[in-house]
Amino acid sequence: IGEIALCIDATDSSAVNERVAALCTAKKIPVNVVDQVERCSFY
């Protein structure tokens, strides 16, 4: 999670999904976690 415009998380690991969403949220990077609406900042 470096200098990126946005992030798509498409894994089947709950731990990875949670970590990716948390890191992107902290850095104010738009993130979409597939099939997990509560962790998405965009669809």
PDB file of all heavy atoms in Angstrom:
ATOM      1  N   ILE A   1       0.868  -1.185   0.000  1.00  0.00           N
ATOM      2  CA  ILE A   1       0.000   0.000   0.000  1.00  0.00           C
ATOM      3  C   ILE A   1       0.902   1.230   0.000  1.00  0.00           C
ATOM      4  O   ILE A   1       1.187   1.838   1.017  1.00  0.00           O
ATOM      5  CB  ILE A   1      -0.934   0.021   1.234  1.00  0.00           C
ATOM      6  CG1 ILE A   1      -1.693  -1.288   1.344  1.00  0.00           C
ATOM      7  CG2 ILE A   1      -1.904   1.201   1.131  1.00  0.00           C
ATOM      8  CD1 ILE A   1      -2.664  -1.564   0.220  1.00  0.00           C
ATOM      9  N   GLY A   2       1.376   1.579  -1.194  1.00  0.00           N
ATOM     10  CA  GLY A   2       2.265   2.730  -1.331  1.00  0.00           C
ATOM     11  C   GLY A   2       1.555   3.896  -1.986  1.00  0.00           C
ATOM     12  O   GLY A   2       0.439   4.241  -1.618  1.00  0.00           O
ATOM     13  N   GLU A   3       2.204   4.481  -2.982  1.00  0.00           N
ATOM     14  CA  GLU A   3       1.625   5.621  -3.701  1.00  0.00           C
ATOM     15  C   GLU A   3       0.685   5.089  -4.780  1.00  0.00           C
ATOM     16  O   GLU A   3       1.073   4.926  -5.935  1.00  0.00           O
ATOM     17  CB  GLU A   3       2.739   6.475  -4.307  1.00  0.00           C
ATOM     18  CG  GLU A   3       3.670   7.106  -3.288  1.00  0.00           C
ATOM     19  CD  GLU A   3       2.929   8.081  -2.376  1.00  0.00           C
ATOM     20  OE1 GLU A   3       2.056   8.820  -2.871  1.00  0.00           O
ATOM     21  OE2 GLU A   3       3.222   8.080  -1.169  1.00  0.00           O
ATOM     22  N   ILE A   4      -0.528   4.814  -4.403  1.00  0.00           N
ATOM     23  CA  ILE A   4      -1.499   4.276  -5.350  1.00  0.00           C
ATOM     24  C   ILE A   4      -2.758   5.134  -5.371  1.00  0.00           C
ATOM     25  O   ILE A   4      -3.094   5.799  -4.392  1.00  0.00           O
ATOM     26  CB  ILE A   4      -1.882   2.813  -5.008  1.00  0.00           C
ATOM     27  CG1 ILE A   4      -2.431   2.690  -3.580  1.00  0.00           C
ATOM     28  CG2 ILE A   4      -0.684   1.891  -5.206  1.00  0.00           C
ATOM     29  CD1 ILE A   4      -2.911   1.291  -3.228  1.00  0.00           C
ATOM     30  N   ALA A   5      -3.437   5.108  -6.516  1.00  0.00           N
ATOM     31  CA  ALA A   5      -4.653   5.905  -6.670  1.00  0.00           C
ATOM     32  C   ALA A   5      -5.852   5.208  -6.054  1.00  0.00           C
ATOM     33  O   ALA A   5      -6.754   5.850  -5.517  1.00  0.00           O
ATOM     34  CB  ALA A   5      -4.914   6.190  -8.148  1.00  0.00           C
ATOM     35  N   LEU A   6      -5.865   3.877  -6.147  1.00  0.00           N
ATOM     36  CA  LEU A   6      -6.933   3.097  -5.517  1.00  0.00           C
ATOM     37  C   LEU A   6      -6.505   1.643  -5.418  1.00  0.00           C
ATOM     38  O   LEU A   6      -5.507   1.236  -6.006  1.00  0.00           O
ATOM     39  CB  LEU A   6      -8.262   3.238  -6.267  1.00  0.00           C
ATOM     40  CG  LEU A   6      -8.352   2.863  -7.748  1.00  0.00           C
ATOM     41  CD1 LEU A   6      -8.590   1.374  -7.920  1.00  0.00           C
ATOM     42  CD2 LEU A   6      -9.482   3.627  -8.404  1.00  0.00           C
ATOM     43  N   CYS A   7      -7.276   0.873  -4.660  1.00  0.00           N
ATOM     44  CA  CYS A   7      -6.932  -0.525  -4.388  1.00  0.00           C
ATOM     45  C   CYS A   7      -8.170  -1.406  -4.527  1.00  0.00           C
ATOM     46  O   CYS A   7      -9.258  -1.044  -4.068  1.00  0.00           O
ATOM     47  CB  CYS A   7      -6.344  -0.646  -2.982  1.00  0.00           C
ATOM     48  SG  CYS A   7      -5.954  -2.343  -2.473  1.00  0.00           S
ATOM     49  N   ILE A   8      -7.960  -2.560  -5.153  1.00  0.00           N
ATOM     50  CA  ILE A   8      -8.997  -3.589  -5.245  1.00  0.00           C
ATOM     51  C   ILE A   8      -8.494  -4.805  -4.476  1.00  0.00           C
ATOM     52  O   ILE A   8      -7.416  -5.325  -4.770  1.00  0.00           O
ATOM     53  CB  ILE A   8      -9.280  -3.994  -6.701  1.00  0.00           C
ATOM     54  CG1 ILE A   8      -9.582  -2.781  -7.567  1.00  0.00           C
ATOM     55  CG2 ILE A   8     -10.411  -5.020  -6.746  1.00  0.00           C
ATOM     56  CD1 ILE A   8     -10.829  -2.045  -7.198  1.00  0.00           C
ATOM     57  N   ASP A   9      -9.274  -5.253  -3.496  1.00  0.00           N
ATOM     58  CA  ASP A   9      -8.900  -6.440  -2.726  1.00  0.00           C
ATOM     59  C   ASP A   9      -9.834  -7.576  -3.114  1.00  0.00           C
ATOM     60  O   ASP A   9     -11.039  -7.519  -2.853  1.00  0.00           O
ATOM     61  CB  ASP A   9      -9.014  -6.141  -1.226  1.00  0.00           C
ATOM     62  CG  ASP A   9      -8.624  -7.338  -0.370  1.00  0.00           C
ATOM     63  OD1 ASP A   9      -8.004  -8.268  -0.907  1.00  0.00           O
ATOM     64  OD2 ASP A   9      -8.965  -7.342   0.829  1.00  0.00           O
ATOM     65  N   ALA A  10      -9.273  -8.596  -3.764  1.00  0.00           N
ATOM     66  CA  ALA A  10     -10.095  -9.697  -4.279  1.00  0.00           C
ATOM     67  C   ALA A  10      -9.565 -11.044  -3.784  1.00  0.00           C
ATOM     68  O   ALA A  10      -9.421 -11.989  -4.552  1.00  0.00           O
ATOM     69  CB  ALA A  10     -10.111  -9.671  -5.803  1.00  0.00           C
ATOM     70  N   THR A  11      -9.264 -11.136  -2.499  1.00  0.00           N
ATOM     71  CA  THR A  11      -8.791 -12.398  -1.941  1.00  0.00           C
ATOM     72  C   THR A  11      -9.929 -13.086  -1.188  1.00  0.00           C
ATOM     73  O   THR A  11     -10.964 -12.487  -0.908  1.00  0.00           O
ATOM     74  CB  THR A  11      -7.610 -12.183  -0.973  1.00  0.00           C
ATOM     75  OG1 THR A  11      -8.107 -11.736   0.295  1.00  0.00           O
ATOM     76  CG2 THR A  11      -6.619 -11.174  -1.517  1.00  0.00           C
ATOM     77  N   ASP A  12      -9.698 -14.352  -0.826  1.00  0.00           N
ATOM     78  CA  ASP A  12     -10.694 -15.078  -0.028  1.00  0.00           C
ATOM     79  C   ASP A  12     -10.236 -15.214   1.422  1.00  0.00           C
ATOM     80  O   ASP A  12     -10.751 -16.026   2.177  1.00  0.00           O
ATOM     81  CB  ASP A  12     -10.959 -16.460  -0.625  1.00  0.00           C
ATOM     82  CG  ASP A  12      -9.696 -17.296  -0.777  1.00  0.00           C
ATOM     83  OD1 ASP A  12      -8.614 -16.830  -0.329  1.00  0.00           O
ATOM     84  OD2 ASP A  12      -9.778 -18.406  -1.327  1.00  0.00           O
ATOM     85  N   SER A  13      -9.263 -14.369   1.818  1.00  0.00           N
ATOM     86  CA  SER A  13      -8.751 -14.386   3.184  1.00  0.00           C
ATOM     87  C   SER A  13      -9.336 -13.228   3.977  1.00  0.00           C
ATOM     88  O   SER A  13      -9.101 -12.055   3.658  1.00  0.00           O
ATOM     89  CB  SER A  13      -7.216 -14.284   3.185  1.00  0.00           C
ATOM     90  OG  SER A  13      -6.729 -14.024   4.486  1.00  0.00           O
ATOM     91  N   SER A  14     -10.082 -13.528   5.024  1.00  0.00           N
ATOM     92  CA  SER A  14     -10.684 -12.486   5.852  1.00  0.00           C
ATOM     93  C   SER A  14      -9.623 -11.613   6.504  1.00  0.00           C
ATOM     94  O   SER A  14      -9.783 -10.390   6.601  1.00  0.00           O
ATOM     95  CB  SER A  14     -11.575 -13.126   6.919  1.00  0.00           C
ATOM     96  OG  SER A  14     -12.167 -12.137   7.727  1.00  0.00           O
ATOM     97  N   ALA A  15      -8.529 -12.235   6.927  1.00  0.00           N
ATOM     98  CA  ALA A  15      -7.452 -11.480   7.591  1.00  0.00           C
ATOM     99  C   ALA A  15      -6.804 -10.490   6.628  1.00  0.00           C
ATOM    100  O   ALA A  15      -6.543  -9.332   6.979  1.00  0.00           O
ATOM    101  CB  ALA A  15      -6.405 -12.446   8.152  1.00  0.00           C
ATOM    102  N   VAL A  16      -6.544 -10.950   5.397  1.00  0.00           N
ATOM    103  CA  VAL A  16      -5.942 -10.061   4.391  1.00  0.00           C
ATOM    104  C   VAL A  16      -6.909  -8.945   4.036  1.00  0.00           C
ATOM    105  O   VAL A  16      -6.517  -7.774   3.953  1.00  0.00           O
ATOM    106  CB  VAL A  16      -5.546 -10.854   3.127  1.00  0.00           C
ATOM    107  CG1 VAL A  16      -5.106  -9.898   2.010  1.00  0.00           C
ATOM    108  CG2 VAL A  16      -4.420 -11.830   3.431  1.00  0.00           C
ATOM    109  N   ASN A  17      -8.162  -9.292   3.843  1.00  0.00           N
ATOM    110  CA  ASN A  17      -9.171  -8.281   3.500  1.00  0.00           C
ATOM    111  C   ASN A  17      -9.253  -7.192   4.569  1.00  0.00           C
ATOM    112  O   ASN A  17      -9.308  -6.000   4.264  1.00  0.00           O
ATOM    113  CB  ASN A  17     -10.535  -8.939   3.333  1.00  0.00           C
ATOM    114  CG  ASN A  17     -10.579  -9.895   2.155  1.00  0.00           C
ATOM    115  OD1 ASN A  17      -9.720  -9.858   1.279  1.00  0.00           O
ATOM    116  ND2 ASN A  17     -11.580 -10.757   2.140  1.00  0.00           N
ATOM    117  N   GLU A  18      -9.266  -7.612   5.808  1.00  0.00           N
ATOM    118  CA  GLU A  18      -9.345  -6.662   6.918  1.00  0.00           C
ATOM    119  C   GLU A  18      -8.123  -5.758   6.956  1.00  0.00           C
ATOM    120  O   GLU A  18      -8.234  -4.549   7.165  1.00  0.00           O
ATOM    121  CB  GLU A  18      -9.488  -7.423   8.237  1.00  0.00           C
ATOM    122  CG  GLU A  18      -9.648  -6.519   9.454  1.00  0.00           C
ATOM    123  CD  GLU A  18      -9.832  -7.295  10.743  1.00  0.00           C
ATOM    124  OE1 GLU A  18      -9.874  -8.546  10.696  1.00  0.00           O
ATOM    125  OE2 GLU A  18      -9.941  -6.653  11.806  1.00  0.00           O
ATOM    126  N   ARG A  19      -6.946  -6.348   6.726  1.00  0.00           N
ATOM    127  CA  ARG A  19      -5.694  -5.574   6.776  1.00  0.00           C
ATOM    128  C   ARG A  19      -5.620  -4.569   5.629  1.00  0.00           C
ATOM    129  O   ARG A  19      -5.257  -3.407   5.834  1.00  0.00           O
ATOM    130  CB  ARG A  19      -4.488  -6.523   6.725  1.00  0.00           C
ATOM    131  CG  ARG A  19      -3.152  -5.835   6.922  1.00  0.00           C
ATOM    132  CD  ARG A  19      -3.071  -5.189   8.269  1.00  0.00           C
ATOM    133  NE  ARG A  19      -1.817  -4.467   8.471  1.00  0.00           N
ATOM    134  CZ  ARG A  19      -1.674  -3.485   9.345  1.00  0.00           C
ATOM    135  NH1 ARG A  19      -2.695  -3.109  10.107  1.00  0.00           N
ATOM    136  NH2 ARG A  19      -0.520  -2.874   9.484  1.00  0.00           N
ATOM    137  N   VAL A  20      -5.954  -5.017   4.427  1.00  0.00           N
ATOM    138  CA  VAL A  20      -5.910  -4.134   3.261  1.00  0.00           C
ATOM    139  C   VAL A  20      -6.863  -2.958   3.455  1.00  0.00           C
ATOM    140  O   VAL A  20      -6.504  -1.796   3.223  1.00  0.00           O
ATOM    141  CB  VAL A  20      -6.269  -4.905   1.972  1.00  0.00           C
ATOM    142  CG1 VAL A  20      -6.469  -3.937   0.809  1.00  0.00           C
ATOM    143  CG2 VAL A  20      -5.178  -5.910   1.630  1.00  0.00           C
ATOM    144  N   ALA A  21      -8.084  -3.255   3.911  1.00  0.00           N
ATOM    145  CA  ALA A  21      -9.080  -2.195   4.113  1.00  0.00           C
ATOM    146  C   ALA A  21      -8.604  -1.199   5.166  1.00  0.00           C
ATOM    147  O   ALA A  21      -8.752   0.023   4.992  1.00  0.00           O
ATOM    148  CB  ALA A  21     -10.411  -2.808   4.521  1.00  0.00           C
ATOM    149  N   ALA A  22      -8.019  -1.699   6.247  1.00  0.00           N
ATOM    150  CA  ALA A  22      -7.556  -0.823   7.326  1.00  0.00           C
ATOM    151  C   ALA A  22      -6.417   0.077   6.862  1.00  0.00           C
ATOM    152  O   ALA A  22      -6.396   1.278   7.165  1.00  0.00           O
ATOM    153  CB  ALA A  22      -7.112  -1.668   8.518  1.00  0.00           C
ATOM    154  N   LEU A  23      -5.462  -0.499   6.124  1.00  0.00           N
ATOM    155  CA  LEU A  23      -4.326   0.295   5.647  1.00  0.00           C
ATOM    156  C   LEU A  23      -4.776   1.370   4.664  1.00  0.00           C
ATOM    157  O   LEU A  23      -4.317   2.520   4.732  1.00  0.00           O
ATOM    158  CB  LEU A  23      -3.299  -0.623   4.979  1.00  0.00           C
ATOM    159  CG  LEU A  23      -2.481  -1.528   5.909  1.00  0.00           C
ATOM    160  CD1 LEU A  23      -1.755  -2.604   5.101  1.00  0.00           C
ATOM    161  CD2 LEU A  23      -1.484  -0.711   6.720  1.00  0.00           C
ATOM    162  N   CYS A  24      -5.648   1.013   3.745  1.00  0.00           N
ATOM    163  CA  CYS A  24      -6.133   1.985   2.762  1.00  0.00           C
ATOM    164  C   CYS A  24      -6.942   3.096   3.430  1.00  0.00           C
ATOM    165  O   CYS A  24      -6.791   4.272   3.100  1.00  0.00           O
ATOM    166  CB  CYS A  24      -6.973   1.289   1.700  1.00  0.00           C
ATOM    167  SG  CYS A  24      -6.019   0.262   0.558  1.00  0.00           S
ATOM    168  N   THR A  25      -7.770   2.720   4.385  1.00  0.00           N
ATOM    169  CA  THR A  25      -8.576   3.714   5.099  1.00  0.00           C
ATOM    170  C   THR A  25      -7.684   4.691   5.848  1.00  0.00           C
ATOM    171  O   THR A  25      -7.914   5.909   5.833  1.00  0.00           O
ATOM    172  CB  THR A  25      -9.536   3.017   6.077  1.00  0.00           C
ATOM    173  OG1 THR A  25     -10.410   2.156   5.341  1.00  0.00           O
ATOM    174  CG2 THR A  25     -10.360   4.043   6.845  1.00  0.00           C
ATOM    175  N   ALA A  26      -6.642   4.165   6.493  1.00  0.00           N
ATOM    176  CA  ALA A  26      -5.720   5.015   7.250  1.00  0.00           C
ATOM    177  C   ALA A  26      -4.997   6.003   6.343  1.00  0.00           C
ATOM    178  O   ALA A  26      -4.710   7.137   6.742  1.00  0.00           O
ATOM    179  CB  ALA A  26      -4.718   4.148   8.003  1.00  0.00           C
ATOM    180  N   LYS A  27      -4.709   5.572   5.105  1.00  0.00           N
ATOM    181  CA  LYS A  27      -3.987   6.434   4.162  1.00  0.00           C
ATOM    182  C   LYS A  27      -4.923   7.186   3.222  1.00  0.00           C
ATOM    183  O   LYS A  27      -4.469   7.839   2.284  1.00  0.00           O
ATOM    184  CB  LYS A  27      -3.002   5.581   3.350  1.00  0.00           C
ATOM    185  CG  LYS A  27      -1.868   5.000   4.181  1.00  0.00           C
ATOM    186  CD  LYS A  27      -0.833   4.319   3.293  1.00  0.00           C
ATOM    187  CE  LYS A  27       0.353   3.826   4.109  1.00  0.00           C
ATOM    188  NZ  LYS A  27       1.420   3.249   3.256  1.00  0.00           N
ATOM    189  N   LYS A  28      -6.235   7.051   3.480  1.00  0.00           N
ATOM    190  CA  LYS A  28      -7.246   7.728   2.652  1.00  0.00           C
ATOM    191  C   LYS A  28      -7.142   7.339   1.177  1.00  0.00           C
ATOM    192  O   LYS A  28      -7.303   8.168   0.273  1.00  0.00           O
ATOM    193  CB  LYS A  28      -7.152   9.248   2.819  1.00  0.00           C
ATOM    194  CG  LYS A  28      -7.518   9.721   4.224  1.00  0.00           C
ATOM    195  CD  LYS A  28      -7.459  11.222   4.333  1.00  0.00           C
ATOM    196  CE  LYS A  28      -8.022  11.703   5.671  1.00  0.00           C
ATOM    197  NZ  LYS A  28      -7.434  11.042   6.849  1.00  0.00           N
ATOM    198  N   ILE A  29      -6.883   6.052   0.941  1.00  0.00           N
ATOM    199  CA  ILE A  29      -6.827   5.500  -0.411  1.00  0.00           C
ATOM    200  C   ILE A  29      -8.152   4.783  -0.681  1.00  0.00           C
ATOM    201  O   ILE A  29      -8.557   3.932   0.103  1.00  0.00           O
ATOM    202  CB  ILE A  29      -5.659   4.508  -0.561  1.00  0.00           C
ATOM    203  CG1 ILE A  29      -4.323   5.226  -0.386  1.00  0.00           C
ATOM    204  CG2 ILE A  29      -5.708   3.805  -1.920  1.00  0.00           C
ATOM    205  CD1 ILE A  29      -3.131   4.291  -0.279  1.00  0.00           C
ATOM    206  N   PRO A  30      -8.847   5.120  -1.757  1.00  0.00           N
ATOM    207  CA  PRO A  30     -10.102   4.428  -2.068  1.00  0.00           C
ATOM    208  C   PRO A  30      -9.867   2.921  -2.188  1.00  0.00           C
ATOM    209  O   PRO A  30      -8.942   2.482  -2.873  1.00  0.00           O
ATOM    210  CB  PRO A  30     -10.521   5.033  -3.409  1.00  0.00           C
ATOM    211  CG  PRO A  30      -9.838   6.364  -3.463  1.00  0.00           C
ATOM    212  CD  PRO A  30      -8.528   6.161  -2.756  1.00  0.00           C
ATOM    213  N   VAL A  31     -10.706   2.133  -1.533  1.00  0.00           N
ATOM    214  CA  VAL A  31     -10.526   0.681  -1.543  1.00  0.00           C
ATOM    215  C   VAL A  31     -11.863  -0.018  -1.779  1.00  0.00           C
ATOM    216  O   VAL A  31     -12.902   0.403  -1.268  1.00  0.00           O
ATOM    217  CB  VAL A  31      -9.890   0.190  -0.221  1.00  0.00           C
ATOM    218  CG1 VAL A  31     -10.770   0.534   0.975  1.00  0.00           C
ATOM    219  CG2 VAL A  31      -9.612  -1.312  -0.266  1.00  0.00           C
ATOM    220  N   ASN A  32     -11.799  -1.067  -2.574  1.00  0.00           N
ATOM    221  CA  ASN A  32     -12.955  -1.922  -2.799  1.00  0.00           C
ATOM    222  C   ASN A  32     -12.577  -3.339  -2.390  1.00  0.00           C
ATOM    223  O   ASN A  32     -11.652  -3.921  -2.948  1.00  0.00           O
ATOM    224  CB  ASN A  32     -13.379  -1.904  -4.268  1.00  0.00           C
ATOM    225  CG  ASN A  32     -14.520  -2.864  -4.554  1.00  0.00           C
ATOM    226  OD1 ASN A  32     -14.294  -4.036  -4.852  1.00  0.00           O
ATOM    227  ND2 ASN A  32     -15.741  -2.378  -4.473  1.00  0.00           N
ATOM    228  N   VAL A  33     -13.269  -3.861  -1.381  1.00  0.00           N
ATOM    229  CA  VAL A  33     -13.072  -5.244  -0.952  1.00  0.00           C
ATOM    230  C   VAL A  33     -14.229  -6.050  -1.517  1.00  0.00           C
ATOM    231  O   VAL A  33     -15.381  -5.866  -1.112  1.00  0.00           O
ATOM    232  CB  VAL A  33     -13.016  -5.356   0.580  1.00  0.00           C
ATOM    233  CG1 VAL A  33     -12.769  -6.811   0.995  1.00  0.00           C
ATOM    234  CG2 VAL A  33     -11.925  -4.456   1.146  1.00  0.00           C
ATOM    235  N   VAL A  34     -13.921  -6.915  -2.458  1.00  0.00           N
ATOM    236  CA  VAL A  34     -14.952  -7.634  -3.198  1.00  0.00           C
ATOM    237  C   VAL A  34     -15.853  -8.430  -2.255  1.00  0.00           C
ATOM    238  O   VAL A  34     -15.369  -9.171  -1.386  1.00  0.00           O
ATOM    239  CB  VAL A  34     -14.304  -8.567  -4.241  1.00  0.00           C
ATOM    240  CG1 VAL A  34     -15.374  -9.397  -4.946  1.00  0.00           C
ATOM    241  CG2 VAL A  34     -13.509  -7.750  -5.251  1.00  0.00           C
ATOM    242  N   ASP A  35     -17.155  -8.261  -2.421  1.00  0.00           N
ATOM    243  CA  ASP A  35     -18.176  -8.987  -1.660  1.00  0.00           C
ATOM    244  C   ASP A  35     -18.205  -8.648  -0.170  1.00  0.00           C
ATOM    245  O   ASP A  35     -18.819  -9.366   0.619  1.00  0.00           O
ATOM    246  CB  ASP A  35     -18.031 -10.505  -1.828  1.00  0.00           C
ATOM    247  CG  ASP A  35     -18.377 -10.957  -3.244  1.00  0.00           C
ATOM    248  OD1 ASP A  35     -19.157 -10.252  -3.908  1.00  0.00           O
ATOM    249  OD2 ASP A  35     -17.866 -12.001  -3.670  1.00  0.00           O
ATOM    250  N   GLN A  36     -17.554  -7.548   0.215  1.00  0.00           N
ATOM    251  CA  GLN A  36     -17.601  -7.112   1.610  1.00  0.00           C
ATOM    252  C   GLN A  36     -17.914  -5.616   1.637  1.00  0.00           C
ATOM    253  O   GLN A  36     -17.013  -4.777   1.766  1.00  0.00           O
ATOM    254  CB  GLN A  36     -16.292  -7.427   2.338  1.00  0.00           C
ATOM    255  CG  GLN A  36     -16.032  -8.925   2.457  1.00  0.00           C
ATOM    256  CD  GLN A  36     -14.868  -9.254   3.364  1.00  0.00           C
ATOM    257  OE1 GLN A  36     -14.476  -8.463   4.215  1.00  0.00           O
ATOM    258  NE2 GLN A  36     -14.296 -10.431   3.174  1.00  0.00           N
ATOM    259  N   VAL A  37     -19.185  -5.314   1.512  1.00  0.00           N
ATOM    260  CA  VAL A  37     -19.636  -3.930   1.373  1.00  0.00           C
ATOM    261  C   VAL A  37     -19.176  -3.064   2.537  1.00  0.00           C
ATOM    262  O   VAL A  37     -18.803  -1.897   2.352  1.00  0.00           O
ATOM    263  CB  VAL A  37     -21.179  -3.894   1.268  1.00  0.00           C
ATOM    264  CG1 VAL A  37     -21.679  -2.466   1.236  1.00  0.00           C
ATOM    265  CG2 VAL A  37     -21.646  -4.656   0.047  1.00  0.00           C
ATOM    266  N   GLU A  38     -19.179  -3.613   3.735  1.00  0.00           N
ATOM    267  CA  GLU A  38     -18.841  -2.828   4.920  1.00  0.00           C
ATOM    268  C   GLU A  38     -17.394  -2.359   4.926  1.00  0.00           C
ATOM    269  O   GLU A  38     -17.037  -1.433   5.655  1.00  0.00           O
ATOM    270  CB  GLU A  38     -19.135  -3.639   6.193  1.00  0.00           C
ATOM    271  CG  GLU A  38     -18.217  -4.833   6.439  1.00  0.00           C
ATOM    272  CD  GLU A  38     -18.578  -6.077   5.634  1.00  0.00           C
ATOM    273  OE1 GLU A  38     -19.540  -5.998   4.826  1.00  0.00           O
ATOM    274  OE2 GLU A  38     -17.914  -7.107   5.794  1.00  0.00           O
ATOM    275  N   ARG A  39     -16.540  -2.976   4.121  1.00  0.00           N
ATOM    276  CA  ARG A  39     -15.126  -2.589   4.076  1.00  0.00           C
ATOM    277  C   ARG A  39     -14.783  -1.753   2.846  1.00  0.00           C
ATOM    278  O   ARG A  39     -13.625  -1.400   2.637  1.00  0.00           O
ATOM    279  CB  ARG A  39     -14.238  -3.843   4.121  1.00  0.00           C
ATOM    280  CG  ARG A  39     -14.226  -4.511   5.488  1.00  0.00           C
ATOM    281  CD  ARG A  39     -13.429  -5.788   5.486  1.00  0.00           C
ATOM    282  NE  ARG A  39     -13.307  -6.323   6.846  1.00  0.00           N
ATOM    283  CZ  ARG A  39     -12.985  -7.572   7.132  1.00  0.00           C
ATOM    284  NH1 ARG A  39     -12.751  -8.434   6.168  1.00  0.00           N
ATOM    285  NH2 ARG A  39     -12.892  -7.970   8.397  1.00  0.00           N
ATOM    286  N   CYS A  40     -15.768  -1.440   2.045  1.00  0.00           N
ATOM    287  CA  CYS A  40     -15.534  -0.681   0.808  1.00  0.00           C
ATOM    288  C   CYS A  40     -15.702   0.817   1.032  1.00  0.00           C
ATOM    289  O   CYS A  40     -16.625   1.246   1.721  1.00  0.00           O
ATOM    290  CB  CYS A  40     -16.512  -1.119  -0.281  1.00  0.00           C
ATOM    291  SG  CYS A  40     -16.325  -2.822  -0.838  1.00  0.00           S
ATOM    292  N   SER A  41     -14.835   1.593   0.413  1.00  0.00           N
ATOM    293  CA  SER A  41     -15.051   3.040   0.372  1.00  0.00           C
ATOM    294  C   SER A  41     -15.598   3.444  -0.998  1.00  0.00           C
ATOM    295  O   SER A  41     -15.982   4.592  -1.209  1.00  0.00           O
ATOM    296  CB  SER A  41     -13.753   3.798   0.666  1.00  0.00           C
ATOM    297  OG  SER A  41     -12.754   3.488  -0.287  1.00  0.00           O
ATOM    298  N   PHE A  42     -15.608   2.502  -1.952  1.00  0.00           N
ATOM    299  CA  PHE A  42     -16.265   2.717  -3.237  1.00  0.00           C
ATOM    300  C   PHE A  42     -16.669   1.360  -3.797  1.00  0.00           C
ATOM    301  O   PHE A  42     -16.128   0.323  -3.414  1.00  0.00           O
ATOM    302  CB  PHE A  42     -15.362   3.464  -4.226  1.00  0.00           C
ATOM    303  CG  PHE A  42     -14.269   2.608  -4.843  1.00  0.00           C
ATOM    304  CD1 PHE A  42     -14.466   1.994  -6.078  1.00  0.00           C
ATOM    305  CD2 PHE A  42     -13.063   2.410  -4.193  1.00  0.00           C
ATOM    306  CE1 PHE A  42     -13.472   1.211  -6.650  1.00  0.00           C
ATOM    307  CE2 PHE A  42     -12.067   1.630  -4.749  1.00  0.00           C
ATOM    308  CZ  PHE A  42     -12.271   1.027  -5.989  1.00  0.00           C
ATOM    309  N   TYR A  43     -17.645   1.382  -4.688  1.00  0.00           N
ATOM    310  CA  TYR A  43     -18.088   0.165  -5.353  1.00  0.00           C
ATOM    311  C   TYR A  43     -17.501   0.110  -6.760  1.00  0.00           C
ATOM    312  O   TYR A  43     -17.426   1.129  -7.442  1.00  0.00           O
ATOM    313  CB  TYR A  43     -19.617   0.105  -5.441  1.00  0.00           C
ATOM    314  CG  TYR A  43     -20.307   0.106  -4.103  1.00  0.00           C
ATOM    315  CD1 TYR A  43     -21.365   0.979  -3.845  1.00  0.00           C
ATOM    316  CD2 TYR A  43     -19.896  -0.749  -3.090  1.00  0.00           C
ATOM    317  CE1 TYR A  43     -21.994   0.986  -2.614  1.00  0.00           C
ATOM    318  CE2 TYR A  43     -20.527  -0.750  -1.857  1.00  0.00           C
ATOM    319  CZ  TYR A  43     -21.568   0.118  -1.625  1.00  0.00           C
ATOM    320  OH  TYR A  43     -22.178   0.126  -0.402  1.00  0.00           O
TER     321      TYR A  43
END
